[in-house]
N, C-alpha and C. Protein backbone atom coordinates (compact mmCIF):
# COMPACT_ATOMS: atom_id res chain seq x y z
N MET A 1 36.74 4.46 134.70
CA MET A 1 37.34 3.39 135.45
C MET A 1 36.52 2.10 135.36
N LYS A 2 35.19 2.24 135.47
CA LYS A 2 34.32 1.08 135.38
C LYS A 2 34.37 0.47 133.99
N VAL A 3 34.48 1.31 132.99
CA VAL A 3 34.54 0.84 131.60
C VAL A 3 35.80 0.01 131.39
N MET A 4 36.91 0.43 131.97
CA MET A 4 38.17 -0.31 131.83
C MET A 4 38.08 -1.69 132.48
N ARG A 5 37.40 -1.77 133.63
CA ARG A 5 37.22 -3.06 134.30
C ARG A 5 36.37 -4.00 133.45
N ILE A 6 35.34 -3.46 132.82
CA ILE A 6 34.47 -4.28 131.97
C ILE A 6 35.24 -4.78 130.75
N ILE A 7 36.03 -3.88 130.16
CA ILE A 7 36.82 -4.28 128.99
C ILE A 7 37.86 -5.33 129.38
N ARG A 8 38.51 -5.13 130.52
CA ARG A 8 39.51 -6.09 130.99
C ARG A 8 38.85 -7.45 131.26
N ALA A 9 37.69 -7.47 131.91
CA ALA A 9 36.98 -8.72 132.19
C ALA A 9 36.57 -9.40 130.89
N PHE A 10 36.10 -8.62 129.93
CA PHE A 10 35.71 -9.18 128.64
C PHE A 10 36.91 -9.83 127.94
N CYS A 11 38.07 -9.16 127.98
CA CYS A 11 39.29 -9.69 127.34
C CYS A 11 39.74 -10.98 128.01
N VAL A 12 39.67 -11.03 129.33
CA VAL A 12 40.06 -12.25 130.05
C VAL A 12 39.13 -13.40 129.70
N ILE A 13 37.83 -13.15 129.67
CA ILE A 13 36.86 -14.19 129.32
C ILE A 13 37.06 -14.65 127.88
N LEU A 14 37.30 -13.72 126.98
CA LEU A 14 37.54 -14.07 125.57
C LEU A 14 38.80 -14.92 125.43
N ALA A 15 39.87 -14.54 126.12
CA ALA A 15 41.12 -15.30 126.06
C ALA A 15 40.95 -16.70 126.61
N LEU A 16 40.27 -16.85 127.72
CA LEU A 16 40.02 -18.17 128.30
C LEU A 16 39.17 -19.04 127.37
N THR A 17 38.18 -18.42 126.76
CA THR A 17 37.32 -19.15 125.82
C THR A 17 38.14 -19.67 124.64
N LEU A 18 39.01 -18.83 124.10
CA LEU A 18 39.84 -19.24 122.97
C LEU A 18 40.81 -20.36 123.36
N VAL A 19 41.39 -20.28 124.54
CA VAL A 19 42.31 -21.32 125.00
C VAL A 19 41.56 -22.64 125.19
N ILE A 20 40.42 -22.60 125.81
CA ILE A 20 39.62 -23.81 126.03
C ILE A 20 39.19 -24.42 124.70
N PHE A 21 38.76 -23.58 123.76
CA PHE A 21 38.34 -24.07 122.45
C PHE A 21 39.52 -24.70 121.72
N ASP A 22 40.68 -24.07 121.79
CA ASP A 22 41.87 -24.58 121.12
C ASP A 22 42.27 -25.93 121.71
N VAL A 23 42.23 -26.08 123.01
CA VAL A 23 42.57 -27.33 123.67
C VAL A 23 41.54 -28.41 123.30
N ALA A 24 40.28 -28.03 123.17
CA ALA A 24 39.24 -29.00 122.87
C ALA A 24 39.38 -29.60 121.48
N ILE A 25 39.83 -28.81 120.50
CA ILE A 25 39.93 -29.34 119.14
C ILE A 25 41.33 -29.83 118.80
N ALA A 26 42.33 -29.47 119.57
CA ALA A 26 43.70 -29.90 119.29
C ALA A 26 43.87 -31.36 119.67
N GLY A 27 44.68 -32.05 118.89
CA GLY A 27 45.04 -33.41 119.25
C GLY A 27 43.94 -34.43 119.10
N THR A 28 43.12 -34.31 118.07
CA THR A 28 42.06 -35.30 117.88
C THR A 28 42.26 -36.13 116.62
N THR A 29 43.28 -35.81 115.82
CA THR A 29 43.51 -36.56 114.58
C THR A 29 45.00 -36.84 114.41
N GLY A 30 45.28 -37.74 113.46
CA GLY A 30 46.66 -38.07 113.11
C GLY A 30 46.86 -37.95 111.62
N LYS A 31 47.99 -38.49 111.13
CA LYS A 31 48.33 -38.34 109.72
C LYS A 31 49.03 -39.61 109.24
N ILE A 32 48.77 -39.98 107.98
CA ILE A 32 49.50 -41.06 107.32
C ILE A 32 50.29 -40.44 106.19
N SER A 33 51.59 -40.72 106.13
CA SER A 33 52.40 -40.17 105.04
C SER A 33 53.49 -41.15 104.67
N GLY A 34 54.11 -40.89 103.51
CA GLY A 34 55.19 -41.76 103.06
C GLY A 34 55.58 -41.45 101.64
N VAL A 35 56.33 -42.37 101.04
CA VAL A 35 56.80 -42.24 99.67
C VAL A 35 56.46 -43.53 98.93
N VAL A 36 56.03 -43.39 97.67
CA VAL A 36 55.75 -44.55 96.83
C VAL A 36 56.82 -44.59 95.75
N ILE A 37 57.48 -45.76 95.62
CA ILE A 37 58.56 -45.92 94.65
C ILE A 37 58.31 -47.13 93.75
N ASP A 38 59.01 -47.18 92.63
CA ASP A 38 59.04 -48.34 91.75
C ASP A 38 59.98 -49.35 92.40
N LYS A 39 59.51 -50.58 92.58
CA LYS A 39 60.29 -51.59 93.29
C LYS A 39 61.60 -51.92 92.57
N ALA A 40 61.56 -51.96 91.23
CA ALA A 40 62.75 -52.34 90.46
C ALA A 40 63.76 -51.22 90.36
N THR A 41 63.31 -50.01 90.09
CA THR A 41 64.24 -48.89 89.83
C THR A 41 64.49 -48.02 91.05
N GLN A 42 63.67 -48.17 92.09
CA GLN A 42 63.75 -47.35 93.30
C GLN A 42 63.46 -45.87 93.02
N GLU A 43 62.85 -45.57 91.86
CA GLU A 43 62.48 -44.19 91.50
C GLU A 43 61.12 -43.85 92.11
N PRO A 44 60.92 -42.60 92.53
CA PRO A 44 59.60 -42.20 93.06
C PRO A 44 58.55 -42.23 91.96
N LEU A 45 57.32 -42.54 92.35
CA LEU A 45 56.20 -42.62 91.40
C LEU A 45 55.20 -41.49 91.65
N PRO A 46 55.12 -40.52 90.75
CA PRO A 46 54.12 -39.46 90.89
C PRO A 46 52.75 -39.94 90.39
N GLY A 47 51.69 -39.44 90.98
CA GLY A 47 50.34 -39.73 90.51
C GLY A 47 49.76 -41.05 90.98
N VAL A 48 50.34 -41.67 91.99
CA VAL A 48 49.80 -42.91 92.54
C VAL A 48 48.60 -42.58 93.43
N ASN A 49 47.53 -43.35 93.29
CA ASN A 49 46.32 -43.13 94.10
C ASN A 49 46.39 -43.94 95.39
N LEU A 50 46.08 -43.28 96.50
CA LEU A 50 46.06 -43.93 97.81
C LEU A 50 44.72 -43.61 98.44
N VAL A 51 43.94 -44.65 98.79
CA VAL A 51 42.60 -44.46 99.34
C VAL A 51 42.44 -45.34 100.58
N ILE A 52 41.88 -44.76 101.63
CA ILE A 52 41.57 -45.51 102.84
C ILE A 52 40.33 -46.36 102.54
N GLU A 53 40.48 -47.68 102.68
CA GLU A 53 39.39 -48.61 102.35
C GLU A 53 38.15 -48.31 103.17
N GLY A 54 37.00 -48.34 102.50
CA GLY A 54 35.72 -48.11 103.16
C GLY A 54 35.38 -46.65 103.37
N THR A 55 36.22 -45.75 102.86
CA THR A 55 35.96 -44.31 102.99
C THR A 55 36.18 -43.64 101.64
N GLN A 56 35.97 -42.35 101.61
CA GLN A 56 36.30 -41.55 100.43
C GLN A 56 37.52 -40.69 100.70
N ILE A 57 38.27 -41.06 101.73
CA ILE A 57 39.46 -40.31 102.11
C ILE A 57 40.65 -40.87 101.34
N GLY A 58 41.39 -39.98 100.71
CA GLY A 58 42.56 -40.43 99.97
C GLY A 58 43.34 -39.27 99.41
N THR A 59 44.36 -39.60 98.63
CA THR A 59 45.22 -38.59 98.04
C THR A 59 45.98 -39.22 96.87
N ALA A 60 46.82 -38.42 96.24
CA ALA A 60 47.71 -38.89 95.19
C ALA A 60 49.12 -38.40 95.50
N THR A 61 50.12 -39.15 95.04
CA THR A 61 51.49 -38.75 95.30
C THR A 61 51.88 -37.55 94.45
N ASP A 62 52.81 -36.76 94.98
CA ASP A 62 53.30 -35.60 94.23
C ASP A 62 54.43 -36.03 93.29
N ILE A 63 55.10 -35.07 92.69
CA ILE A 63 56.14 -35.34 91.70
C ILE A 63 57.31 -36.14 92.29
N LYS A 64 57.50 -36.05 93.62
CA LYS A 64 58.57 -36.78 94.30
C LYS A 64 58.10 -38.11 94.88
N GLY A 65 56.85 -38.49 94.57
CA GLY A 65 56.31 -39.75 95.09
C GLY A 65 55.83 -39.67 96.52
N GLN A 66 55.80 -38.48 97.10
CA GLN A 66 55.41 -38.30 98.49
C GLN A 66 53.90 -38.08 98.61
N TYR A 67 53.35 -38.52 99.75
CA TYR A 67 51.93 -38.31 100.00
C TYR A 67 51.70 -38.07 101.49
N SER A 68 50.57 -37.44 101.79
CA SER A 68 50.11 -37.26 103.17
C SER A 68 48.60 -37.30 103.18
N ILE A 69 48.06 -38.07 104.08
CA ILE A 69 46.61 -38.10 104.31
C ILE A 69 46.40 -37.49 105.69
N LEU A 70 45.81 -36.31 105.72
CA LEU A 70 45.68 -35.53 106.95
C LEU A 70 44.34 -35.77 107.64
N ASN A 71 44.26 -35.33 108.88
CA ASN A 71 43.02 -35.32 109.68
C ASN A 71 42.36 -36.69 109.77
N MET A 72 43.17 -37.73 110.00
CA MET A 72 42.64 -39.08 110.16
C MET A 72 42.27 -39.30 111.63
N PRO A 73 41.02 -39.70 111.89
CA PRO A 73 40.67 -40.04 113.27
C PRO A 73 41.51 -41.24 113.74
N PRO A 74 41.82 -41.33 115.02
CA PRO A 74 42.62 -42.45 115.49
C PRO A 74 41.91 -43.77 115.23
N GLY A 75 42.69 -44.79 114.88
CA GLY A 75 42.13 -46.10 114.60
C GLY A 75 43.08 -46.92 113.75
N VAL A 76 42.59 -48.07 113.28
CA VAL A 76 43.36 -48.97 112.43
C VAL A 76 42.71 -48.99 111.06
N TYR A 77 43.50 -48.79 110.01
CA TYR A 77 42.97 -48.63 108.66
C TYR A 77 43.66 -49.56 107.67
N THR A 78 43.00 -49.73 106.51
CA THR A 78 43.57 -50.44 105.37
C THR A 78 43.73 -49.44 104.24
N LEU A 79 44.92 -49.41 103.64
CA LEU A 79 45.25 -48.46 102.59
C LEU A 79 45.35 -49.19 101.26
N ASN A 80 44.59 -48.74 100.26
CA ASN A 80 44.66 -49.29 98.91
C ASN A 80 45.50 -48.37 98.05
N VAL A 81 46.52 -48.93 97.40
CA VAL A 81 47.47 -48.17 96.59
C VAL A 81 47.38 -48.69 95.16
N SER A 82 47.19 -47.77 94.19
CA SER A 82 47.06 -48.22 92.81
C SER A 82 47.57 -47.18 91.82
N MET A 83 48.07 -47.71 90.70
CA MET A 83 48.52 -46.86 89.59
C MET A 83 48.51 -47.72 88.34
N MET A 84 48.09 -47.13 87.22
CA MET A 84 48.08 -47.86 85.95
C MET A 84 49.50 -48.34 85.64
N GLY A 85 49.61 -49.59 85.22
CA GLY A 85 50.90 -50.15 84.86
C GLY A 85 51.62 -50.80 86.03
N TYR A 86 51.00 -50.76 87.23
CA TYR A 86 51.60 -51.35 88.42
C TYR A 86 50.58 -52.23 89.12
N THR A 87 51.08 -53.26 89.78
CA THR A 87 50.21 -54.14 90.57
C THR A 87 49.74 -53.37 91.80
N GLY A 88 48.42 -53.37 92.01
CA GLY A 88 47.85 -52.68 93.17
C GLY A 88 48.28 -53.35 94.46
N MET A 89 48.23 -52.58 95.54
CA MET A 89 48.65 -53.11 96.84
C MET A 89 47.62 -52.72 97.89
N ARG A 90 47.38 -53.63 98.81
CA ARG A 90 46.45 -53.41 99.92
C ARG A 90 47.24 -53.60 101.21
N ILE A 91 47.39 -52.51 101.97
CA ILE A 91 48.19 -52.55 103.19
C ILE A 91 47.24 -52.47 104.39
N GLU A 92 47.23 -53.52 105.20
CA GLU A 92 46.32 -53.60 106.34
C GLU A 92 47.01 -53.18 107.63
N ASN A 93 46.19 -52.94 108.65
CA ASN A 93 46.65 -52.66 110.02
C ASN A 93 47.56 -51.44 110.13
N ILE A 94 47.17 -50.37 109.47
CA ILE A 94 47.89 -49.11 109.62
C ILE A 94 47.27 -48.38 110.81
N ARG A 95 48.04 -48.22 111.85
CA ARG A 95 47.53 -47.61 113.09
C ARG A 95 47.79 -46.11 113.09
N VAL A 96 46.71 -45.34 113.25
CA VAL A 96 46.80 -43.88 113.34
C VAL A 96 46.54 -43.48 114.78
N SER A 97 47.44 -42.68 115.33
CA SER A 97 47.32 -42.21 116.70
C SER A 97 47.19 -40.69 116.71
N ILE A 98 46.61 -40.18 117.78
CA ILE A 98 46.40 -38.74 117.93
C ILE A 98 47.73 -38.00 117.91
N ASP A 99 47.79 -36.93 117.11
CA ASP A 99 48.95 -36.03 117.02
C ASP A 99 50.23 -36.70 116.54
N LEU A 100 50.13 -37.88 115.93
CA LEU A 100 51.32 -38.55 115.42
C LEU A 100 51.20 -38.80 113.92
N THR A 101 52.35 -38.89 113.26
CA THR A 101 52.39 -39.22 111.84
C THR A 101 52.80 -40.67 111.70
N THR A 102 51.96 -41.46 111.03
CA THR A 102 52.28 -42.85 110.73
C THR A 102 52.96 -42.88 109.37
N ASN A 103 54.21 -43.37 109.34
CA ASN A 103 54.97 -43.42 108.09
C ASN A 103 54.73 -44.77 107.42
N GLN A 104 54.26 -44.74 106.16
CA GLN A 104 54.01 -45.97 105.41
C GLN A 104 54.55 -45.80 103.99
N ASN A 105 55.77 -46.29 103.76
CA ASN A 105 56.35 -46.26 102.43
C ASN A 105 55.88 -47.48 101.65
N VAL A 106 55.79 -47.32 100.31
CA VAL A 106 55.26 -48.38 99.46
C VAL A 106 56.16 -48.55 98.25
N ALA A 107 56.42 -49.81 97.87
CA ALA A 107 57.16 -50.12 96.65
C ALA A 107 56.25 -50.93 95.74
N LEU A 108 55.88 -50.37 94.59
CA LEU A 108 54.98 -51.04 93.64
C LEU A 108 55.77 -51.75 92.55
N GLU A 109 55.23 -52.92 92.14
CA GLU A 109 55.85 -53.68 91.05
C GLU A 109 55.14 -53.39 89.74
N GLU A 110 55.95 -53.23 88.69
CA GLU A 110 55.40 -52.98 87.37
C GLU A 110 54.69 -54.23 86.87
N THR A 111 53.63 -54.04 86.09
CA THR A 111 52.87 -55.16 85.54
C THR A 111 52.51 -54.87 84.09
N VAL A 112 52.14 -55.90 83.37
CA VAL A 112 51.73 -55.75 81.98
C VAL A 112 50.22 -55.56 81.95
N LEU A 113 49.78 -54.52 81.26
CA LEU A 113 48.34 -54.28 81.13
C LEU A 113 47.79 -55.14 80.00
N GLU A 114 46.67 -55.77 80.26
CA GLU A 114 46.01 -56.57 79.23
C GLU A 114 44.66 -55.95 78.92
N ALA A 115 44.43 -55.67 77.65
CA ALA A 115 43.16 -55.10 77.22
C ALA A 115 42.17 -56.23 76.98
N ALA A 116 40.99 -56.11 77.54
CA ALA A 116 39.99 -57.16 77.40
C ALA A 116 39.22 -57.02 76.10
N GLU A 117 38.60 -55.92 75.89
CA GLU A 117 37.86 -55.72 74.65
C GLU A 117 37.76 -54.24 74.33
N THR A 118 37.58 -53.97 73.05
CA THR A 118 37.45 -52.60 72.57
C THR A 118 36.04 -52.40 72.08
N VAL A 119 35.45 -51.27 72.37
CA VAL A 119 34.13 -50.93 71.87
C VAL A 119 34.30 -49.88 70.79
N THR A 120 33.83 -50.19 69.57
CA THR A 120 33.89 -49.24 68.46
C THR A 120 32.52 -48.66 68.25
N VAL A 121 32.41 -47.34 68.21
CA VAL A 121 31.14 -46.66 68.00
C VAL A 121 31.18 -46.05 66.60
N VAL A 122 30.17 -46.43 65.77
CA VAL A 122 30.07 -45.91 64.41
C VAL A 122 28.78 -45.13 64.31
N ALA A 123 28.88 -43.84 63.95
CA ALA A 123 27.70 -43.00 63.82
C ALA A 123 27.33 -42.91 62.34
N ALA A 124 26.05 -43.04 62.06
CA ALA A 124 25.57 -42.94 60.67
C ALA A 124 24.32 -42.08 60.64
N PHE A 125 24.07 -41.43 59.50
CA PHE A 125 22.89 -40.59 59.33
C PHE A 125 21.80 -41.44 58.68
N GLY A 126 20.66 -41.60 59.38
CA GLY A 126 19.59 -42.47 58.89
C GLY A 126 18.77 -41.82 57.78
N ALA A 127 18.03 -42.64 57.05
CA ALA A 127 17.21 -42.16 55.92
C ALA A 127 16.10 -41.23 56.39
N ALA A 128 15.61 -41.41 57.62
CA ALA A 128 14.52 -40.59 58.13
C ALA A 128 15.02 -39.26 58.69
N GLY A 129 16.32 -39.01 58.63
CA GLY A 129 16.84 -37.74 59.12
C GLY A 129 17.27 -37.77 60.56
N HIS A 130 17.28 -38.91 61.18
CA HIS A 130 17.70 -39.04 62.57
C HIS A 130 19.09 -39.66 62.63
N ASP A 131 19.86 -39.24 63.62
CA ASP A 131 21.16 -39.86 63.83
C ASP A 131 20.97 -41.24 64.44
N ILE A 132 21.64 -42.20 63.88
CA ILE A 132 21.57 -43.57 64.39
C ILE A 132 22.99 -43.99 64.77
N VAL A 133 23.12 -44.58 65.92
CA VAL A 133 24.43 -45.01 66.39
C VAL A 133 24.44 -46.53 66.45
N PHE A 134 25.45 -47.09 65.81
CA PHE A 134 25.65 -48.53 65.85
C PHE A 134 26.88 -48.82 66.70
N VAL A 135 26.76 -49.80 67.54
CA VAL A 135 27.88 -50.18 68.39
C VAL A 135 28.32 -51.58 68.01
N GLU A 136 29.59 -51.67 67.70
CA GLU A 136 30.15 -52.97 67.32
C GLU A 136 31.23 -53.31 68.32
N ARG A 137 31.15 -54.50 68.89
CA ARG A 137 32.13 -54.94 69.87
C ARG A 137 33.16 -55.83 69.19
N LYS A 138 34.40 -55.53 69.42
CA LYS A 138 35.47 -56.34 68.88
C LYS A 138 36.43 -56.70 70.01
N LEU A 139 36.89 -57.90 69.99
CA LEU A 139 37.88 -58.29 70.98
C LEU A 139 39.26 -57.80 70.52
N ALA A 140 39.94 -57.19 71.41
CA ALA A 140 41.26 -56.65 71.09
C ALA A 140 42.32 -57.60 71.66
N ARG A 141 43.24 -57.97 70.85
CA ARG A 141 44.35 -58.83 71.29
C ARG A 141 45.64 -58.08 71.06
N TYR A 142 46.37 -57.86 72.12
CA TYR A 142 47.66 -57.16 72.01
C TYR A 142 48.76 -58.07 72.44
């Protein structure tokens, strides 16, 4: 009989501890999510990089152009959005609240990539038996 009371008391204490712990960690972060599309075609863009400015927190869009940045502490953030072939975008004043999802859709404009210069590396075998590498810089015009 005494053993049953001890087990029952232990179970009650364990249950209360788990509930208190769950309440303590629940509701401390929010989420930013949305869809990134091509502004001209309205098609979703897969592989777009989204990074919270000043942090290493970020993600990339999936095949449907959708993204989610989870476990964001509450606050106001700036989101940098970039993809090769598109003009980058900087979205300021994104407010994240506890237990809420902030929806931020993005439409990127296509741009022309300009190559600045090409580096050509030519490897040659030297007379002394050592590999020698020569680097020649050429300006590339496309």
